[in-house]
Amino acid sequence: MARILIVEARFYSHLNDMLIAGAKAVIEGGGHECEVITVPGALEVPSAIALAVESGQYDGFVAIGVVIRGETYHFEIVAGESARAIMALTMDGIAIGNGILTLENEEQAIVRADPAQSDKGGEAAKAALALLDLQTRFAV
């Protein structure tokens, strides 16, 4: 049984609730435990994961959040930098499923977040669990 930490950028609560529901269903459905913590935005998710790794309490992580394009360049920075930082952590061998959605509008977000539709939260949890399986396979 693995312990998974879901790190949520709580900006669009109604969308995040769907993403978290999908992630929890996959994690708990696989017989694993999970906990959810909240950070202010997508840029803080990688930092929170890095801090949690240091604690040694978790086997894997799921990053959850929604970034919707606005009228400024801020979207590109948040979307790109959060993804880059998560990827850097995975390259250090940390099992992270990235469920931070980057979208043009809320309609796209609803389709992707809803567990009954695209279930991107569930997909992110599946990715984290798949990486945990690989860690076990390649452990020396």
C-alpha atoms as a PDB file:
ATOM      1  CA  MET A   1       0.000   0.000   0.000  1.00  0.00           C
ATOM      2  CA  ALA A   2       1.338   3.406  -1.005  1.00  0.00           C
ATOM      3  CA  ARG A   3       0.778   6.764   0.657  1.00  0.00           C
ATOM      4  CA  ILE A   4       0.001   9.428  -1.923  1.00  0.00           C
ATOM      5  CA  LEU A   5      -0.113  13.165  -1.280  1.00  0.00           C
ATOM      6  CA  ILE A   6      -2.431  15.184  -3.480  1.00  0.00           C
ATOM      7  CA  VAL A   7      -1.170  18.769  -3.667  1.00  0.00           C
ATOM      8  CA  GLU A   8      -3.922  21.086  -4.801  1.00  0.00           C
ATOM      9  CA  ALA A   9      -3.608  24.651  -6.094  1.00  0.00           C
ATOM     10  CA  ARG A  10      -6.960  25.852  -4.775  1.00  0.00           C
ATOM     11  CA  PHE A  11      -7.942  28.564  -7.208  1.00  0.00           C
ATOM     12  CA  TYR A  12     -10.975  27.142  -9.024  1.00  0.00           C
ATOM     13  CA  SER A  13     -12.525  25.157  -6.180  1.00  0.00           C
ATOM     14  CA  HIS A  14     -15.420  23.636  -8.125  1.00  0.00           C
ATOM     15  CA  LEU A  15     -13.042  22.323 -10.786  1.00  0.00           C
ATOM     16  CA  ASN A  16     -10.463  21.128  -8.283  1.00  0.00           C
ATOM     17  CA  ASP A  17     -13.142  19.235  -6.371  1.00  0.00           C
ATOM     18  CA  MET A  18     -13.776  17.173  -9.513  1.00  0.00           C
ATOM     19  CA  LEU A  19     -10.064  16.589 -10.119  1.00  0.00           C
ATOM     20  CA  ILE A  20      -9.543  15.500  -6.519  1.00  0.00           C
ATOM     21  CA  ALA A  21     -12.562  13.180  -6.644  1.00  0.00           C
ATOM     22  CA  GLY A  22     -11.114  11.452  -9.701  1.00  0.00           C
ATOM     23  CA  ALA A  23      -7.657  11.148  -8.150  1.00  0.00           C
ATOM     24  CA  LYS A  24      -9.009   9.814  -4.853  1.00  0.00           C
ATOM     25  CA  ALA A  25     -11.176   7.243  -6.621  1.00  0.00           C
ATOM     26  CA  VAL A  26      -8.128   5.811  -8.408  1.00  0.00           C
ATOM     27  CA  ILE A  27      -5.850   5.910  -5.359  1.00  0.00           C
ATOM     28  CA  GLU A  28      -8.322   4.487  -2.871  1.00  0.00           C
ATOM     29  CA  GLY A  29      -9.722   2.081  -5.462  1.00  0.00           C
ATOM     30  CA  GLY A  30      -6.220   0.643  -5.774  1.00  0.00           C
ATOM     31  CA  GLY A  31      -6.001   0.060  -2.036  1.00  0.00           C
ATOM     32  CA  HIS A  32      -3.742   3.026  -1.321  1.00  0.00           C
ATOM     33  CA  GLU A  33      -4.030   5.902   1.127  1.00  0.00           C
ATOM     34  CA  CYS A  34      -4.104   9.579   0.222  1.00  0.00           C
ATOM     35  CA  GLU A  35      -4.083  12.951   1.851  1.00  0.00           C
ATOM     36  CA  VAL A  36      -4.850  16.357   0.330  1.00  0.00           C
ATOM     37  CA  ILE A  37      -3.033  19.588   1.077  1.00  0.00           C
ATOM     38  CA  THR A  38      -3.770  22.974  -0.440  1.00  0.00           C
ATOM     39  CA  VAL A  39      -1.426  25.670  -1.703  1.00  0.00           C
ATOM     40  CA  PRO A  40      -2.361  29.108  -3.102  1.00  0.00           C
ATOM     41  CA  GLY A  41      -1.564  28.500  -6.767  1.00  0.00           C
ATOM     42  CA  ALA A  42       0.041  26.254  -9.370  1.00  0.00           C
ATOM     43  CA  LEU A  43       3.480  27.794  -8.898  1.00  0.00           C
ATOM     44  CA  GLU A  44       3.499  26.641  -5.275  1.00  0.00           C
ATOM     45  CA  VAL A  45       2.642  23.000  -6.039  1.00  0.00           C
ATOM     46  CA  PRO A  46       6.217  21.893  -6.899  1.00  0.00           C
ATOM     47  CA  SER A  47       7.620  23.579  -3.792  1.00  0.00           C
ATOM     48  CA  ALA A  48       5.070  21.848  -1.590  1.00  0.00           C
ATOM     49  CA  ILE A  49       5.925  18.500  -3.175  1.00  0.00           C
ATOM     50  CA  ALA A  50       9.639  19.106  -2.614  1.00  0.00           C
ATOM     51  CA  LEU A  51       8.993  19.908   1.057  1.00  0.00           C
ATOM     52  CA  ALA A  52       6.816  16.814   1.453  1.00  0.00           C
ATOM     53  CA  VAL A  53       9.505  14.615  -0.127  1.00  0.00           C
ATOM     54  CA  GLU A  54      11.885  15.745   2.592  1.00  0.00           C
ATOM     55  CA  SER A  55       9.433  14.527   5.237  1.00  0.00           C
ATOM     56  CA  GLY A  56       9.632  10.956   3.952  1.00  0.00           C
ATOM     57  CA  GLN A  57       5.928  10.442   4.705  1.00  0.00           C
ATOM     58  CA  TYR A  58       4.751   9.838   1.131  1.00  0.00           C
ATOM     59  CA  ASP A  59       5.549   7.437  -1.667  1.00  0.00           C
ATOM     60  CA  GLY A  60       4.106   9.486  -4.511  1.00  0.00           C
ATOM     61  CA  PHE A  61       2.331  12.695  -5.385  1.00  0.00           C
ATOM     62  CA  VAL A  62      -0.489  14.026  -7.518  1.00  0.00           C
ATOM     63  CA  ALA A  63      -0.397  17.689  -8.580  1.00  0.00           C
ATOM     64  CA  ILE A  64      -3.878  19.179  -9.008  1.00  0.00           C
ATOM     65  CA  GLY A  65      -4.853  22.610 -10.293  1.00  0.00           C
ATOM     66  CA  VAL A  66      -6.450  24.601 -13.063  1.00  0.00           C
ATOM     67  CA  VAL A  67      -4.835  27.452 -14.992  1.00  0.00           C
ATOM     68  CA  ILE A  68      -7.148  29.247 -17.416  1.00  0.00           C
ATOM     69  CA  ARG A  69      -5.781  31.680 -19.989  1.00  0.00           C
ATOM     70  CA  GLY A  70      -6.518  35.298 -19.206  1.00  0.00           C
ATOM     71  CA  GLU A  71      -5.716  38.562 -20.901  1.00  0.00           C
ATOM     72  CA  THR A  72      -2.085  38.771 -19.777  1.00  0.00           C
ATOM     73  CA  TYR A  73       1.128  36.799 -20.209  1.00  0.00           C
ATOM     74  CA  HIS A  74       0.750  35.438 -16.663  1.00  0.00           C
ATOM     75  CA  PHE A  75      -0.900  32.253 -18.021  1.00  0.00           C
ATOM     76  CA  GLU A  76       2.219  31.255 -19.956  1.00  0.00           C
ATOM     77  CA  ILE A  77       4.475  31.779 -16.964  1.00  0.00           C
ATOM     78  CA  VAL A  78       2.291  29.835 -14.541  1.00  0.00           C
ATOM     79  CA  ALA A  79       1.564  26.998 -16.969  1.00  0.00           C
ATOM     80  CA  GLY A  80       5.137  26.635 -18.161  1.00  0.00           C
ATOM     81  CA  GLU A  81       6.974  27.108 -14.910  1.00  0.00           C
ATOM     82  CA  SER A  82       4.755  24.824 -12.836  1.00  0.00           C
ATOM     83  CA  ALA A  83       5.125  22.070 -15.457  1.00  0.00           C
ATOM     84  CA  ARG A  84       8.887  22.634 -15.688  1.00  0.00           C
ATOM     85  CA  ALA A  85       9.338  22.428 -11.915  1.00  0.00           C
ATOM     86  CA  ILE A  86       7.218  19.275 -11.650  1.00  0.00           C
ATOM     87  CA  MET A  87       9.215  17.695 -14.461  1.00  0.00           C
ATOM     88  CA  ALA A  88      12.471  18.589 -12.689  1.00  0.00           C
ATOM     89  CA  LEU A  89      11.247  16.785  -9.574  1.00  0.00           C
ATOM     90  CA  THR A  90      10.283  13.706 -11.577  1.00  0.00           C
ATOM     91  CA  MET A  91      13.751  13.645 -13.112  1.00  0.00           C
ATOM     92  CA  ASP A  92      15.058  13.318  -9.552  1.00  0.00           C
ATOM     93  CA  GLY A  93      13.066  10.095  -9.241  1.00  0.00           C
ATOM     94  CA  ILE A  94       9.970  11.434  -7.497  1.00  0.00           C
ATOM     95  CA  ALA A  95       6.726   9.778  -8.595  1.00  0.00           C
ATOM     96  CA  ILE A  96       4.392  12.628  -9.565  1.00  0.00           C
ATOM     97  CA  GLY A  97       1.273  12.571 -11.652  1.00  0.00           C
ATOM     98  CA  ASN A  98       0.703  16.017 -13.125  1.00  0.00           C
ATOM     99  CA  GLY A  99      -2.981  16.938 -13.032  1.00  0.00           C
ATOM    100  CA  ILE A 100      -2.548  20.672 -13.421  1.00  0.00           C
ATOM    101  CA  LEU A 101      -4.829  21.583 -16.308  1.00  0.00           C
ATOM    102  CA  THR A 102      -3.874  24.461 -18.591  1.00  0.00           C
ATOM    103  CA  LEU A 103      -6.867  25.583 -20.634  1.00  0.00           C
ATOM    104  CA  GLU A 104      -8.407  28.293 -22.702  1.00  0.00           C
ATOM    105  CA  ASN A 105     -11.704  28.487 -20.804  1.00  0.00           C
ATOM    106  CA  GLU A 106     -13.856  27.015 -18.069  1.00  0.00           C
ATOM    107  CA  GLU A 107     -15.866  24.869 -20.473  1.00  0.00           C
ATOM    108  CA  GLN A 108     -12.705  22.978 -21.435  1.00  0.00           C
ATOM    109  CA  ALA A 109     -11.819  22.658 -17.755  1.00  0.00           C
ATOM    110  CA  ILE A 110     -15.171  21.108 -16.831  1.00  0.00           C
ATOM    111  CA  VAL A 111     -14.866  18.420 -19.503  1.00  0.00           C
ATOM    112  CA  ARG A 112     -11.321  17.522 -18.440  1.00  0.00           C
ATOM    113  CA  ALA A 113     -11.876  17.710 -14.675  1.00  0.00           C
ATOM    114  CA  ASP A 114     -15.153  15.802 -14.466  1.00  0.00           C
ATOM    115  CA  PRO A 115     -14.561  12.155 -13.454  1.00  0.00           C
ATOM    116  CA  ALA A 116     -17.511  11.159 -15.659  1.00  0.00           C
ATOM    117  CA  GLN A 117     -15.869  12.744 -18.708  1.00  0.00           C
ATOM    118  CA  SER A 118     -12.084  13.034 -19.256  1.00  0.00           C
ATOM    119  CA  ASP A 119     -11.147  12.426 -15.575  1.00  0.00           C
ATOM    120  CA  LYS A 120      -7.734  14.111 -15.697  1.00  0.00           C
ATOM    121  CA  GLY A 121      -7.466  13.851 -11.888  1.00  0.00           C
ATOM    122  CA  GLY A 122      -7.839  10.094 -12.148  1.00  0.00           C
ATOM    123  CA  GLU A 123      -5.322   9.992 -14.990  1.00  0.00           C
ATOM    124  CA  ALA A 124      -2.798  11.938 -12.900  1.00  0.00           C
ATOM    125  CA  ALA A 125      -3.246   9.473 -10.041  1.00  0.00           C
ATOM    126  CA  LYS A 126      -2.749   6.557 -12.447  1.00  0.00           C
ATOM    127  CA  ALA A 127       0.475   8.194 -13.669  1.00  0.00           C
ATOM    128  CA  ALA A 128       1.797   8.562 -10.111  1.00  0.00           C
ATOM    129  CA  LEU A 129       0.998   4.930  -9.333  1.00  0.00           C
ATOM    130  CA  ALA A 130       2.610   3.781 -12.596  1.00  0.00           C
ATOM    131  CA  LEU A 131       5.794   5.646 -11.683  1.00  0.00           C
ATOM    132  CA  LEU A 132       5.751   4.033  -8.231  1.00  0.00           C
ATOM    133  CA  ASP A 133       5.555   0.636  -9.923  1.00  0.00           C
ATOM    134  CA  LEU A 134       8.582   1.551 -12.033  1.00  0.00           C
ATOM    135  CA  GLN A 135      10.491   2.641  -8.928  1.00  0.00           C
ATOM    136  CA  THR A 136       9.870  -0.798  -7.452  1.00  0.00           C
ATOM    137  CA  ARG A 137      10.839  -2.533 -10.680  1.00  0.00           C
ATOM    138  CA  PHE A 138      14.100  -0.636 -11.056  1.00  0.00           C
ATOM    139  CA  ALA A 139      15.054  -0.533  -7.352  1.00  0.00           C
ATOM    140  CA  VAL A 140      18.527  -1.802  -6.744  1.00  0.00           C
END
